[in-house]
């Protein structure tokens, strides 16, 4: 369902306490302590507050850093001690540097996981949780250090306007949560980064992926996790039709090289599904680890694969609605770029947690709700984004 037709709902009725539950203070404090970032003395911008500030930066990417702090503090005097004021940009940058990217990334790793429950509509195919593997690039601020750390994408003439970082992760189709993501230089291929994140797959998942991810090695590594796979195959990949199955699909094999194919060595058995879409000449070829048609008929798998585009919607939410289509990640230092990126992913997760809670309450699919509307409500209710006790003892760490 398009954003223009997505259903509006009253987030206030659901309660923005969901956001506080998503990023509990105790977990933040434990991470800071474990990483030695909790601070040894009182500061105007303490580490605990800076964690939530970085998440707020993800909500207001196009807004100046002092204005984001003002919005975070505005109307929340019972949360933040009275001596905290809107600081200079230099003080904010120094506080962010003290914090570093590590605690923000660790919070992302610990908190951002698939949300779907058994009753979540659109999240399951049989007993499998449907997830999609894909990647995206983000423009980052043009500085010498960022260029050295992330590189610039190649262009036909001269060089691109901004350096870029590449991010690869998994989207849970039913909730749009982007989990297991890692970032790298823009020149590092998506399949290379994917090899580092396949550990996020679980045996109860069914992973969709585009043809550009396929390789024998990546398929072997992904299937070893126990997850079911449904990936599109490149047109030039040789897939012998070994035996036709009752639903019109075929058993086939993939090999690490043509030499192995000729000797029938180290072949992995897969199931091949070929189909066309009305009005298009192209033949789509899917391969899957689900060899029994009774468990997943070819037609149903072909329809399911179309849901791979769910990740495009989720990435658009992050790149266009959160970040802004013309906005680059603001920081000129690579460490703070990493901090920005994981803060952005945490902000997206927080909004998606609210939407999933609302969808369950109304017994509807998450896709029926408007991401943009939810984002606007969260902007309006930012002081409730975090929930600290009235005591200020915890904040001075």
Foldseek 3Di string as FASTA:
>chain_A
DDLVQFDADDLVVLPLVLLQVLQPLVVLCVLCVVVVLQDDFFDLCGLSNLLVLLLLCLLVVVDDSLVSVCLQPPPQCLFAPPSRDRDDPVVNVVSDVSNWQVSLVVSQQVRQADDDDPLAPPQDDVQAGEKEKDKDKFFADDDPQLCVFANFDDDPDDTDPGFIKMKIFMARLQLRQTGQIDIGHPPDDSLVRLLVRLLSDALRHEYEYEQVNDAPVSVVSNVVRNHKYKYWHDPPADWDFPAADPLRKGKTWHDNDVVCVVVVHPTDIWIWAWDDDPPDDDIIIITIPPPDCVSPPNVNSVVVNVSSCSNVVSVCCLCPVRNNVPHGRYDNHPRVSSSSVSSSSSSSSSLSSSLSSVCVVVSHGSSSHNSNSSSVVCSVVVNSSHDDHSDCPSVRD
